[in-house]
Structure formats: structure tokens, C-alpha cells
N, C-alpha and C. Protein backbone atom coordinates (compact mmCIF):
# COMPACT_ATOMS: atom_id res chain seq x y z
N LEU A 1 28.40 2.68 -52.79
CA LEU A 1 27.40 1.68 -53.08
C LEU A 1 27.70 0.34 -52.42
N GLU A 2 28.98 0.09 -52.13
CA GLU A 2 29.31 -1.21 -51.54
C GLU A 2 28.77 -1.34 -50.12
N ASP A 3 28.39 -0.24 -49.48
CA ASP A 3 27.84 -0.29 -48.13
C ASP A 3 26.35 -0.63 -48.11
N PHE A 4 25.68 -0.56 -49.25
CA PHE A 4 24.25 -0.84 -49.32
C PHE A 4 24.01 -2.33 -49.60
N PRO A 5 22.89 -2.85 -49.10
CA PRO A 5 22.56 -4.26 -49.39
C PRO A 5 22.39 -4.49 -50.89
N GLU A 6 22.67 -5.71 -51.33
CA GLU A 6 22.58 -6.07 -52.74
C GLU A 6 21.19 -5.80 -53.31
N SER A 7 20.14 -6.00 -52.50
CA SER A 7 18.78 -5.78 -52.99
C SER A 7 18.56 -4.33 -53.39
N ILE A 8 19.22 -3.41 -52.72
CA ILE A 8 19.09 -1.99 -53.05
C ILE A 8 19.99 -1.65 -54.24
N VAL A 9 21.22 -2.08 -54.20
CA VAL A 9 22.16 -1.76 -55.27
C VAL A 9 21.69 -2.36 -56.59
N GLY A 10 21.20 -3.59 -56.57
CA GLY A 10 20.72 -4.24 -57.79
C GLY A 10 19.56 -3.50 -58.41
N SER A 11 18.61 -3.02 -57.59
CA SER A 11 17.45 -2.31 -58.14
C SER A 11 17.85 -0.93 -58.65
N ALA A 12 18.84 -0.30 -58.05
CA ALA A 12 19.27 1.02 -58.51
C ALA A 12 19.96 0.92 -59.88
N ALA A 13 20.68 -0.17 -60.09
CA ALA A 13 21.37 -0.33 -61.37
C ALA A 13 20.39 -0.55 -62.51
N SER A 14 19.23 -1.12 -62.22
CA SER A 14 18.27 -1.40 -63.28
C SER A 14 17.32 -0.24 -63.55
N GLU A 15 17.36 0.83 -62.75
CA GLU A 15 16.48 1.98 -62.94
C GLU A 15 16.91 2.76 -64.17
N PRO A 16 15.99 3.09 -65.06
CA PRO A 16 16.35 3.94 -66.18
C PRO A 16 16.68 5.35 -65.69
N PRO A 17 17.73 5.97 -66.23
CA PRO A 17 18.10 7.31 -65.76
C PRO A 17 16.99 8.31 -66.03
N GLY A 18 16.82 9.25 -65.10
CA GLY A 18 15.82 10.31 -65.27
C GLY A 18 14.45 9.96 -64.71
N ASN A 19 14.18 8.71 -64.42
CA ASN A 19 12.89 8.33 -63.84
C ASN A 19 13.01 8.30 -62.32
N ALA A 20 12.00 8.82 -61.65
CA ALA A 20 12.01 8.79 -60.19
C ALA A 20 11.73 7.38 -59.72
N PRO A 21 12.49 6.89 -58.76
CA PRO A 21 12.22 5.56 -58.22
C PRO A 21 10.93 5.57 -57.42
N PRO A 22 10.33 4.42 -57.23
CA PRO A 22 9.10 4.38 -56.45
C PRO A 22 9.38 4.69 -55.00
N PRO A 23 8.40 5.23 -54.28
CA PRO A 23 8.61 5.49 -52.86
C PRO A 23 8.71 4.17 -52.11
N PRO A 24 9.41 4.15 -50.98
CA PRO A 24 9.51 2.91 -50.23
C PRO A 24 8.15 2.45 -49.74
N ALA A 25 7.96 1.14 -49.71
CA ALA A 25 6.69 0.57 -49.24
C ALA A 25 6.55 0.74 -47.74
N GLU A 26 7.66 0.77 -47.04
CA GLU A 26 7.61 0.95 -45.60
C GLU A 26 8.88 1.66 -45.14
N ILE A 27 8.85 2.20 -43.95
CA ILE A 27 10.00 2.92 -43.41
C ILE A 27 11.19 1.95 -43.32
N GLY A 28 12.35 2.44 -43.69
CA GLY A 28 13.54 1.61 -43.65
C GLY A 28 13.92 1.06 -45.02
N GLU A 29 12.97 0.94 -45.91
CA GLU A 29 13.23 0.47 -47.27
C GLU A 29 13.53 1.72 -48.10
N PHE A 30 14.63 1.72 -48.85
CA PHE A 30 15.03 2.94 -49.54
C PHE A 30 15.73 2.59 -50.84
N ASP A 31 15.40 3.28 -51.90
CA ASP A 31 16.02 3.07 -53.20
C ASP A 31 17.14 4.09 -53.37
N VAL A 32 18.34 3.62 -53.66
CA VAL A 32 19.50 4.50 -53.78
C VAL A 32 19.33 5.54 -54.87
N ALA A 33 18.49 5.29 -55.85
CA ALA A 33 18.28 6.24 -56.95
C ALA A 33 17.78 7.58 -56.44
N TRP A 34 17.12 7.61 -55.29
CA TRP A 34 16.67 8.88 -54.72
C TRP A 34 17.86 9.78 -54.38
N LEU A 35 19.01 9.20 -54.11
CA LEU A 35 20.18 9.98 -53.70
C LEU A 35 20.75 10.82 -54.84
N GLY A 36 20.37 10.55 -56.06
CA GLY A 36 20.85 11.32 -57.20
C GLY A 36 20.05 12.58 -57.46
N ARG A 37 19.09 12.87 -56.60
CA ARG A 37 18.23 14.04 -56.78
C ARG A 37 18.39 15.00 -55.61
N PRO A 38 18.22 16.31 -55.87
CA PRO A 38 18.24 17.26 -54.75
C PRO A 38 17.10 16.95 -53.78
N LEU A 39 17.30 17.27 -52.53
CA LEU A 39 16.31 16.96 -51.49
C LEU A 39 14.94 17.52 -51.82
N ALA A 40 14.87 18.76 -52.28
CA ALA A 40 13.57 19.38 -52.57
C ALA A 40 12.83 18.62 -53.68
N VAL A 41 13.55 18.19 -54.70
CA VAL A 41 12.94 17.45 -55.81
C VAL A 41 12.47 16.08 -55.33
N ALA A 42 13.33 15.39 -54.58
CA ALA A 42 12.97 14.07 -54.06
C ALA A 42 11.78 14.16 -53.12
N ARG A 43 11.76 15.18 -52.28
CA ARG A 43 10.65 15.35 -51.32
C ARG A 43 9.33 15.57 -52.05
N ARG A 44 9.33 16.43 -53.08
CA ARG A 44 8.10 16.69 -53.84
C ARG A 44 7.61 15.42 -54.54
N ALA A 45 8.51 14.70 -55.17
CA ALA A 45 8.13 13.48 -55.88
C ALA A 45 7.61 12.42 -54.91
N PHE A 46 8.27 12.29 -53.79
CA PHE A 46 7.86 11.31 -52.78
C PHE A 46 6.49 11.68 -52.21
N ALA A 47 6.30 12.97 -51.90
CA ALA A 47 5.02 13.43 -51.34
C ALA A 47 3.88 13.24 -52.34
N ALA A 48 4.14 13.52 -53.61
CA ALA A 48 3.11 13.34 -54.63
C ALA A 48 2.74 11.87 -54.78
N ALA A 49 3.74 10.99 -54.76
CA ALA A 49 3.47 9.55 -54.87
C ALA A 49 2.68 9.06 -53.66
N PHE A 50 3.04 9.55 -52.47
CA PHE A 50 2.31 9.16 -51.27
C PHE A 50 0.86 9.66 -51.34
N GLU A 51 0.68 10.93 -51.72
CA GLU A 51 -0.65 11.51 -51.77
C GLU A 51 -1.55 10.73 -52.73
N ARG A 52 -1.04 10.40 -53.89
CA ARG A 52 -1.82 9.63 -54.86
C ARG A 52 -2.20 8.26 -54.29
N SER A 53 -1.24 7.57 -53.72
CA SER A 53 -1.50 6.25 -53.16
C SER A 53 -2.51 6.32 -52.02
N TYR A 54 -2.38 7.31 -51.16
CA TYR A 54 -3.30 7.52 -50.04
C TYR A 54 -4.72 7.76 -50.53
N LEU A 55 -4.86 8.65 -51.50
CA LEU A 55 -6.19 8.96 -52.04
C LEU A 55 -6.79 7.76 -52.75
N GLU A 56 -5.98 7.01 -53.49
CA GLU A 56 -6.49 5.81 -54.14
C GLU A 56 -7.03 4.82 -53.11
N GLY A 57 -6.30 4.66 -52.01
CA GLY A 57 -6.74 3.75 -50.95
C GLY A 57 -8.05 4.19 -50.32
N LEU A 58 -8.16 5.48 -50.04
CA LEU A 58 -9.41 5.99 -49.46
C LEU A 58 -10.57 5.89 -50.44
N LEU A 59 -10.32 6.23 -51.70
CA LEU A 59 -11.38 6.14 -52.70
C LEU A 59 -11.84 4.69 -52.88
N ARG A 60 -10.91 3.78 -52.84
CA ARG A 60 -11.25 2.36 -52.94
C ARG A 60 -12.09 1.94 -51.74
N ALA A 61 -11.67 2.38 -50.54
CA ALA A 61 -12.38 2.01 -49.31
C ALA A 61 -13.79 2.59 -49.25
N THR A 62 -13.98 3.76 -49.83
CA THR A 62 -15.30 4.41 -49.79
C THR A 62 -16.09 4.18 -51.09
N ARG A 63 -15.52 3.37 -51.98
CA ARG A 63 -16.14 3.06 -53.27
C ARG A 63 -16.43 4.33 -54.07
N GLY A 64 -15.48 5.29 -54.01
CA GLY A 64 -15.57 6.51 -54.81
C GLY A 64 -16.49 7.59 -54.28
N ARG A 65 -16.99 7.44 -53.08
CA ARG A 65 -17.89 8.45 -52.50
C ARG A 65 -17.05 9.64 -52.01
N ILE A 66 -17.22 10.76 -52.67
CA ILE A 66 -16.40 11.95 -52.44
C ILE A 66 -16.54 12.48 -51.01
N ASN A 67 -17.75 12.66 -50.53
CA ASN A 67 -17.94 13.21 -49.18
C ASN A 67 -17.31 12.31 -48.12
N ASP A 68 -17.50 11.00 -48.25
CA ASP A 68 -16.91 10.06 -47.29
C ASP A 68 -15.39 10.09 -47.36
N THR A 69 -14.85 10.13 -48.57
CA THR A 69 -13.40 10.17 -48.75
C THR A 69 -12.82 11.44 -48.17
N ALA A 70 -13.45 12.58 -48.47
CA ALA A 70 -12.96 13.86 -47.96
C ALA A 70 -13.02 13.89 -46.44
N MET A 71 -14.09 13.37 -45.86
CA MET A 71 -14.23 13.36 -44.40
C MET A 71 -13.12 12.51 -43.77
N ARG A 72 -12.87 11.33 -44.34
CA ARG A 72 -11.83 10.46 -43.80
C ARG A 72 -10.45 11.07 -43.95
N ALA A 73 -10.25 11.84 -45.02
CA ALA A 73 -8.95 12.49 -45.25
C ALA A 73 -8.81 13.77 -44.44
N GLY A 74 -9.93 14.27 -43.92
CA GLY A 74 -9.87 15.51 -43.15
C GLY A 74 -9.71 16.74 -44.02
N ILE A 75 -10.25 16.67 -45.25
CA ILE A 75 -10.17 17.82 -46.16
C ILE A 75 -11.55 18.12 -46.73
N ASP A 76 -11.68 19.29 -47.31
CA ASP A 76 -12.92 19.71 -47.96
C ASP A 76 -13.11 18.94 -49.26
N PRO A 77 -14.33 18.59 -49.62
CA PRO A 77 -14.56 17.89 -50.89
C PRO A 77 -13.97 18.61 -52.11
N ARG A 78 -14.00 19.95 -52.10
CA ARG A 78 -13.41 20.69 -53.23
C ARG A 78 -11.90 20.45 -53.31
N SER A 79 -11.26 20.41 -52.15
CA SER A 79 -9.82 20.12 -52.13
C SER A 79 -9.54 18.72 -52.64
N LEU A 80 -10.42 17.79 -52.27
CA LEU A 80 -10.27 16.42 -52.75
C LEU A 80 -10.37 16.37 -54.27
N TYR A 81 -11.37 17.04 -54.83
CA TYR A 81 -11.51 17.08 -56.29
C TYR A 81 -10.26 17.66 -56.95
N THR A 82 -9.70 18.71 -56.37
CA THR A 82 -8.49 19.32 -56.92
C THR A 82 -7.33 18.33 -56.92
N LYS A 83 -7.18 17.62 -55.81
CA LYS A 83 -6.10 16.63 -55.70
C LYS A 83 -6.34 15.47 -56.66
N MET A 84 -7.58 15.04 -56.78
CA MET A 84 -7.90 13.95 -57.70
C MET A 84 -7.57 14.35 -59.13
N LYS A 85 -7.90 15.56 -59.49
CA LYS A 85 -7.61 16.05 -60.85
C LYS A 85 -6.10 16.08 -61.08
N ARG A 86 -5.35 16.56 -60.09
CA ARG A 86 -3.89 16.63 -60.20
C ARG A 86 -3.29 15.25 -60.44
N HIS A 87 -3.88 14.22 -59.82
CA HIS A 87 -3.33 12.87 -59.93
C HIS A 87 -4.04 12.01 -60.98
N GLY A 88 -4.97 12.60 -61.69
CA GLY A 88 -5.68 11.86 -62.73
C GLY A 88 -6.59 10.77 -62.18
N LEU A 89 -7.19 11.01 -61.02
CA LEU A 89 -8.08 10.04 -60.40
C LEU A 89 -9.53 10.42 -60.67
N ARG A 90 -10.36 9.42 -60.96
CA ARG A 90 -11.78 9.66 -61.19
C ARG A 90 -12.58 8.79 -60.23
N LYS A 91 -13.61 9.37 -59.63
CA LYS A 91 -14.41 8.62 -58.65
C LYS A 91 -15.08 7.41 -59.30
N GLU A 92 -15.40 7.50 -60.56
CA GLU A 92 -16.06 6.40 -61.26
C GLU A 92 -15.19 5.14 -61.31
N ASP A 93 -13.88 5.33 -61.27
CA ASP A 93 -12.97 4.19 -61.34
C ASP A 93 -12.93 3.37 -60.05
N PHE A 94 -13.56 3.86 -59.01
CA PHE A 94 -13.51 3.18 -57.71
C PHE A 94 -14.86 2.62 -57.28
N ARG A 95 -15.84 2.70 -58.14
CA ARG A 95 -17.17 2.19 -57.79
C ARG A 95 -17.28 0.71 -58.04
């Protein structure tokens, strides 16, 4: 831990055990708490957090219009609905 910057070490110490740390806001920013998890678990949690954030951004940009959001994401509207359900997102919340 002494090799990591204080900003990273300080935030890792304040993380409650068992909770996944937030994904980095940009490449190069990394929370040491991710190192306490197996790669497969960390990858799934990180991918799920990214997917939710990405879909929220698209839904906000399209004001909750499913066809527009699905087209911009490059997926079928049914797939979008499935992903929205998985992440607890509702189109009405973005209008």
C-alpha cells in the first residue's frame, strides 16, 4: 500500500468491507479495494457498473425514448428492455 498515492490508500481505508468500490471515472484512476476481489468477480462488477452508467447516459440523452436509445447503443429494443430491467431503470424516469 505504501507504493500507492495517498488519495487511493485513503479511500480504500474508508471503504466498508464487502462492498464493491465504484468503477474509476477515467482510465488510470483505480481504487485499491478492487485488488481484494478475484479478477472474474471484479470484471463482472465493473462491467455491470459501466453498463448501467452507459444506459443511464443514453436514456438521459434520448429523454427515455427506447428506439432511439437502442439504436444509439447498437442493440435491439428488446435487449435494451432486458438490460434496463436488470439495472432497475425505467424509461419514465428520464422524460
